[in-house]
């Protein structure tokens, strides 16, 4: 029972990070109807900025802030300098460009920083607190939960309670009508990319210290897990991304704890295939009636 409780809490902690990264994918999908396969590489690039700033200043929090700022700027640059130049008449074109961007970013990071794992700091201890003789969450896990909760609540508020959130949604779903109504569609798309990249950078800063360390490919498996979470919850549903992230985190924790860590990639892909076959729109997608 103690082992099950520990795996559950550990899975929820990891799932919170997957939820944050899935939210980044949902943001870009809602902003531009694009699945950004370069999200992981862009997040790692922001984490390397944090590494450089922290190494130069000795302050974790300056590096943390620099990573978020770098993520915002990188997302805006990718949209303006890359994605706007892509012919979107074929949905395959943005996918190919994003995959090429992954190779470019990872190659540049490897040339600048090398391909060795670099240490990643945490602002709080990762030693689990003990309650009644049972190891539960660590202070760092609590920090992760709080951070993801605040970011998730802020995004929901922006998209449901503010005029700029309404403009972003309108620019994604009806760009021509939005232009006629005076909405700066290009600006809203860029803002969506910037926010998504910033959230992705945040997720990288939270998850990389719990892995082997900073590496150009550090977010590859995290991206697959977060993409599975986004598909599981529904690419149009921010709450679905959160629920999907927590669900994927629990699944991977149980698989790792009871069957072995080597089966984690297989479990992720099996879950993704199952969702795509049974409910490709995601669990939180609206059910539409079939027409004969």
Protein backbone atom coordinates (compact mmCIF):
# COMPACT_ATOMS: atom_id res chain seq x y z
CA UNK A 1 0.00 0.00 0.00
CA UNK A 2 2.84 2.39 0.78
CA UNK A 3 4.37 1.67 -2.60
CA UNK A 4 1.07 2.31 -4.38
CA UNK A 5 0.64 5.62 -2.55
CA UNK A 6 4.17 6.69 -3.40
CA UNK A 7 3.72 5.79 -7.09
CA UNK A 8 0.39 7.63 -7.17
CA UNK A 9 1.82 10.83 -5.73
CA UNK A 10 4.90 10.59 -7.93
CA UNK A 11 2.68 10.04 -10.97
CA UNK A 12 0.57 13.07 -10.13
CA UNK A 13 3.70 15.19 -9.76
CA UNK A 14 5.04 14.05 -13.12
CA UNK A 15 1.58 14.32 -14.64
CA UNK A 16 1.37 17.97 -13.61
CA UNK A 17 4.37 18.69 -15.83
CA UNK A 18 2.85 16.71 -18.70
CA UNK A 19 -0.32 18.74 -18.19
CA UNK A 20 1.63 22.01 -18.50
CA UNK A 21 3.32 20.84 -21.69
CA UNK A 22 0.02 19.54 -23.08
CA UNK A 23 -1.46 22.97 -22.39
CA UNK A 24 1.28 24.46 -24.57
CA UNK A 25 0.28 22.14 -27.43
CA UNK A 26 -3.39 23.00 -26.93
CA UNK A 27 -2.59 26.73 -26.99
CA UNK A 28 -0.92 26.52 -30.39
CA UNK A 29 -3.66 24.26 -31.75
CA UNK A 30 -6.34 26.71 -30.61
CA UNK A 31 -4.35 29.67 -31.95
CA UNK A 32 -3.39 28.32 -35.36
CA UNK A 33 -4.82 24.80 -35.78
CA UNK A 34 -1.26 23.46 -35.84
CA UNK A 35 0.36 20.69 -33.81
CA UNK A 36 3.80 22.10 -33.05
CA UNK A 37 6.15 19.13 -33.14
CA UNK A 38 9.04 21.52 -32.42
CA UNK A 39 7.63 22.37 -28.99
CA UNK A 40 10.04 20.09 -27.14
CA UNK A 41 13.14 21.39 -28.89
CA UNK A 42 12.04 24.99 -28.34
CA UNK A 43 11.53 24.28 -24.63
CA UNK A 44 15.01 22.77 -24.34
CA UNK A 45 16.50 25.85 -26.03
CA UNK A 46 14.86 28.02 -23.35
CA UNK A 47 16.21 25.72 -20.64
CA UNK A 48 19.72 26.18 -22.02
CA UNK A 49 19.23 29.95 -21.73
CA UNK A 50 18.38 29.41 -18.07
CA UNK A 51 21.52 27.30 -17.65
CA UNK A 52 23.70 30.05 -19.13
CA UNK A 53 22.11 32.81 -17.04
CA UNK A 54 22.31 30.77 -13.82
CA UNK A 55 25.94 29.87 -14.52
CA UNK A 56 26.78 33.54 -15.10
CA UNK A 57 24.86 35.00 -12.15
CA UNK A 58 24.62 32.14 -9.66
CA UNK A 59 20.87 32.79 -9.30
CA UNK A 60 18.36 30.04 -10.10
CA UNK A 61 15.46 32.47 -10.23
CA UNK A 62 17.16 34.78 -12.74
CA UNK A 63 17.74 31.74 -14.93
CA UNK A 64 14.13 30.68 -14.42
CA UNK A 65 12.84 34.08 -15.50
CA UNK A 66 15.24 34.16 -18.44
CA UNK A 67 13.93 30.79 -19.62
CA UNK A 68 10.34 32.00 -19.59
CA UNK A 69 11.28 35.18 -21.44
CA UNK A 70 13.33 33.21 -23.96
CA UNK A 71 10.38 30.88 -24.50
CA UNK A 72 8.03 33.78 -25.18
CA UNK A 73 10.44 35.41 -27.62
CA UNK A 74 11.30 32.15 -29.38
CA UNK A 75 7.63 31.34 -29.92
CA UNK A 76 6.99 34.76 -31.44
CA UNK A 77 10.07 34.51 -33.69
CA UNK A 78 9.15 31.03 -34.92
CA UNK A 79 5.67 32.21 -35.85
CA UNK A 80 6.78 35.41 -37.59
CA UNK A 81 9.95 34.16 -39.28
CA UNK A 82 8.99 30.56 -40.05
CA UNK A 83 5.37 29.50 -39.78
CA UNK A 84 3.88 32.52 -41.55
CA UNK A 85 5.96 31.67 -44.60
CA UNK A 86 4.60 28.12 -44.79
CA UNK A 87 1.87 27.24 -47.26
CA UNK A 88 -0.96 26.10 -44.96
CA UNK A 89 -3.20 24.79 -47.70
CA UNK A 90 -1.76 21.36 -47.00
CA UNK A 91 -1.81 20.37 -43.29
CA UNK A 92 1.35 18.35 -43.86
CA UNK A 93 3.50 21.39 -44.66
CA UNK A 94 3.61 22.84 -41.12
CA UNK A 95 4.38 19.38 -39.73
CA UNK A 96 7.38 18.95 -42.05
CA UNK A 97 8.64 22.46 -41.23
CA UNK A 98 8.27 21.81 -37.49
CA UNK A 99 10.21 18.56 -37.74
CA UNK A 100 12.95 20.35 -39.65
CA UNK A 101 13.00 22.99 -36.93
CA UNK A 102 13.52 20.25 -34.34
CA UNK A 103 16.60 18.99 -36.17
CA UNK A 104 17.96 22.54 -36.56
CA UNK A 105 17.49 23.52 -32.90
CA UNK A 106 18.93 20.27 -31.56
CA UNK A 107 21.93 20.50 -33.89
CA UNK A 108 22.68 24.10 -32.88
CA UNK A 109 22.35 23.28 -29.18
CA UNK A 110 24.67 20.32 -29.61
CA UNK A 111 27.30 22.46 -31.34
CA UNK A 112 27.11 25.26 -28.75
CA UNK A 113 26.74 23.31 -25.51
CA UNK A 114 27.88 19.81 -26.48
CA UNK A 115 25.97 16.54 -26.23
CA UNK A 116 26.84 15.74 -22.61
CA UNK A 117 24.22 15.88 -19.89
CA UNK A 118 24.52 19.11 -17.90
CA UNK A 119 23.31 19.43 -14.29
CA UNK A 120 19.96 21.13 -13.74
CA UNK A 121 19.26 22.81 -10.41
CA UNK A 122 16.05 22.84 -8.40
CA UNK A 123 14.96 25.68 -6.11
CA UNK A 124 13.69 23.28 -3.44
CA UNK A 125 14.70 19.90 -2.07
CA UNK A 126 13.62 16.77 -3.94
CA UNK A 127 13.77 14.65 -0.78
CA UNK A 128 10.29 13.30 -0.09
CA UNK A 129 8.59 14.39 3.11
CA UNK A 130 7.55 11.57 5.43
CA UNK A 131 4.05 11.37 6.91
CA UNK A 132 3.32 8.51 9.27
CA UNK A 133 6.40 6.67 8.09
CA UNK A 134 5.34 6.90 4.43
CA UNK A 135 7.28 8.96 1.88
CA UNK A 136 4.96 11.40 0.14
CA UNK A 137 5.63 14.54 -1.89
CA UNK A 138 8.85 16.51 -1.78
CA UNK A 139 8.99 20.33 -1.46
CA UNK A 140 9.89 20.45 -5.15
CA UNK A 141 6.80 18.38 -6.03
CA UNK A 142 4.65 20.87 -4.13
CA UNK A 143 6.31 23.70 -6.06
CA UNK A 144 5.49 21.91 -9.33
CA UNK A 145 1.84 21.43 -8.36
CA UNK A 146 1.47 25.06 -7.30
CA UNK A 147 3.16 26.41 -10.42
CA UNK A 148 1.14 24.32 -12.86
CA UNK A 149 -2.07 25.11 -10.98
CA UNK A 150 -1.47 28.85 -11.14
CA UNK A 151 -0.51 28.77 -14.83
CA UNK A 152 -3.49 26.58 -15.74
CA UNK A 153 -5.93 28.82 -13.86
CA UNK A 154 -4.41 31.92 -15.47
CA UNK A 155 -4.78 30.48 -18.98
CA UNK A 156 -8.39 29.47 -18.36
CA UNK A 157 -9.10 32.98 -17.11
CA UNK A 158 -7.44 34.57 -20.13
CA UNK A 159 -9.33 32.46 -22.66
CA UNK A 160 -12.74 32.63 -20.97
CA UNK A 161 -12.85 35.97 -19.17
CA UNK A 162 -10.83 38.46 -21.21
CA UNK A 163 -11.31 40.23 -24.51
CA UNK A 164 -7.85 39.22 -25.75
CA UNK A 165 -8.69 35.56 -25.15
CA UNK A 166 -11.88 35.96 -27.18
CA UNK A 167 -9.89 37.59 -29.99
CA UNK A 168 -7.35 34.74 -29.99
CA UNK A 169 -10.11 32.16 -30.25
CA UNK A 170 -11.88 34.11 -32.99
CA UNK A 171 -8.64 34.52 -34.95
CA UNK A 172 -8.10 30.76 -34.89
CA UNK A 173 -11.61 29.61 -35.77
CA UNK A 174 -12.76 32.38 -38.15
CA UNK A 175 -9.79 34.46 -39.31
CA UNK A 176 -11.53 36.14 -42.25
CA UNK A 177 -14.55 37.21 -40.20
CA UNK A 178 -12.22 38.36 -37.41
CA UNK A 179 -10.31 40.60 -39.84
CA UNK A 180 -13.57 42.18 -40.96
CA UNK A 181 -14.35 42.90 -37.32
CA UNK A 182 -11.00 44.62 -36.80
CA UNK A 183 -9.11 41.83 -35.02
CA UNK A 184 -5.37 41.73 -35.66
CA UNK A 185 -5.32 38.06 -36.64
CA UNK A 186 -1.57 37.90 -37.20
CA UNK A 187 -0.89 39.48 -33.84
CA UNK A 188 -3.24 37.07 -32.07
CA UNK A 189 -1.55 34.08 -33.69
CA UNK A 190 1.86 35.37 -32.66
CA UNK A 191 0.61 35.89 -29.11
CA UNK A 192 -0.68 32.32 -29.07
CA UNK A 193 2.69 30.99 -30.21
CA UNK A 194 4.50 33.10 -27.63
CA UNK A 195 2.26 31.96 -24.76
CA UNK A 196 2.53 28.33 -25.81
CA UNK A 197 6.30 28.49 -26.07
CA UNK A 198 6.50 30.22 -22.69
CA UNK A 199 4.42 27.47 -21.06
CA UNK A 200 6.59 24.87 -22.79
CA UNK A 201 9.70 26.53 -21.37
CA UNK A 202 8.11 26.43 -17.92
CA UNK A 203 7.42 22.71 -18.30
CA UNK A 204 11.02 22.10 -19.35
CA UNK A 205 12.32 23.95 -16.30
CA UNK A 206 10.11 21.80 -14.08
CA UNK A 207 10.80 18.38 -15.58
CA UNK A 208 14.44 18.44 -16.71
CA UNK A 209 15.85 18.51 -13.13
CA UNK A 210 13.93 15.28 -12.44
CA UNK A 211 15.53 13.51 -15.41
CA UNK A 212 19.17 12.83 -16.25
CA UNK A 213 19.85 16.53 -16.80
CA UNK A 214 19.98 19.09 -19.59
CA UNK A 215 20.59 17.68 -23.07
CA UNK A 216 19.50 18.65 -26.60
CA UNK A 217 17.14 15.64 -26.61
CA UNK A 218 16.02 16.01 -22.98
CA UNK A 219 12.39 16.72 -23.89
CA UNK A 220 11.87 14.09 -26.60
CA UNK A 221 10.04 11.52 -24.47
CA UNK A 222 8.34 14.29 -22.49
CA UNK A 223 6.95 15.66 -25.75
CA UNK A 224 5.56 12.25 -26.72
CA UNK A 225 3.96 11.86 -23.29
CA UNK A 226 2.52 15.40 -23.35
CA UNK A 227 1.24 14.96 -26.90
CA UNK A 228 -0.48 11.77 -25.76
CA UNK A 229 -2.00 13.70 -22.86
CA UNK A 230 -3.25 16.44 -25.19
CA UNK A 231 -4.79 13.90 -27.57
CA UNK A 232 -6.28 11.99 -24.65
CA UNK A 233 -8.02 15.08 -23.29
CA UNK A 234 -8.71 16.70 -26.66
CA UNK A 235 -6.58 19.24 -28.49
CA UNK A 236 -9.35 21.85 -28.17
CA UNK A 237 -9.77 21.39 -24.41
CA UNK A 238 -7.43 23.02 -21.85
CA UNK A 239 -9.15 21.14 -18.98
CA UNK A 240 -8.76 17.97 -21.01
CA UNK A 241 -5.03 18.63 -21.32
CA UNK A 242 -4.77 18.87 -17.53
CA UNK A 243 -6.77 15.69 -16.94
CA UNK A 244 -4.89 13.90 -19.71
CA UNK A 245 -1.52 14.96 -18.29
CA UNK A 246 -2.38 13.69 -14.83
CA UNK A 247 -3.70 10.44 -16.30
CA UNK A 248 -0.57 9.85 -18.37
CA UNK A 249 1.62 10.63 -15.36
CA UNK A 250 -0.21 8.06 -13.25
CA UNK A 251 -0.04 5.43 -15.98
CA UNK A 252 3.70 5.87 -16.51
CA UNK A 253 4.37 5.86 -12.77
CA UNK A 254 2.51 2.58 -12.30
CA UNK A 255 4.17 1.00 -15.33
CA UNK A 256 7.61 2.09 -14.15
CA UNK A 257 6.99 0.97 -10.57
CA UNK A 258 5.41 -2.40 -11.25
CA UNK A 259 6.69 -3.45 -14.68
CA UNK A 260 9.97 -1.56 -15.17
CA UNK A 261 11.07 1.74 -16.66
CA UNK A 262 11.98 0.14 -20.00
CA UNK A 263 8.27 -0.25 -20.79
CA UNK A 264 7.44 3.44 -20.42
CA UNK A 265 7.84 4.34 -24.14
CA UNK A 266 5.75 1.31 -25.11
CA UNK A 267 3.02 2.26 -22.62
CA UNK A 268 2.86 5.82 -23.97
CA UNK A 269 2.58 4.69 -27.58
CA UNK A 270 0.00 2.03 -26.71
CA UNK A 271 -2.15 4.62 -24.94
CA UNK A 272 -1.81 7.06 -27.85
CA UNK A 273 -2.80 4.37 -30.37
CA UNK A 274 -5.78 3.33 -28.25
CA UNK A 275 -7.10 6.88 -27.98
CA UNK A 276 -6.65 7.54 -31.70
CA UNK A 277 -8.54 4.36 -32.56
CA UNK A 278 -11.39 4.66 -30.06
CA UNK A 279 -11.88 8.41 -29.61
CA UNK A 280 -9.57 10.45 -31.88
CA UNK A 281 -11.16 13.73 -30.79
CA UNK A 282 -10.20 13.10 -27.16
CA UNK A 283 -12.22 12.36 -24.05
CA UNK A 284 -13.37 15.97 -23.68
CA UNK A 285 -14.28 16.49 -27.31
CA UNK A 286 -17.94 17.30 -27.97
CA UNK A 287 -19.94 14.36 -29.25
CA UNK A 288 -21.47 15.02 -32.64
CA UNK A 289 -24.43 13.17 -33.97
CA UNK A 290 -23.87 10.96 -36.99
CA UNK A 291 -25.77 11.74 -40.12
CA UNK A 292 -26.95 9.06 -42.46
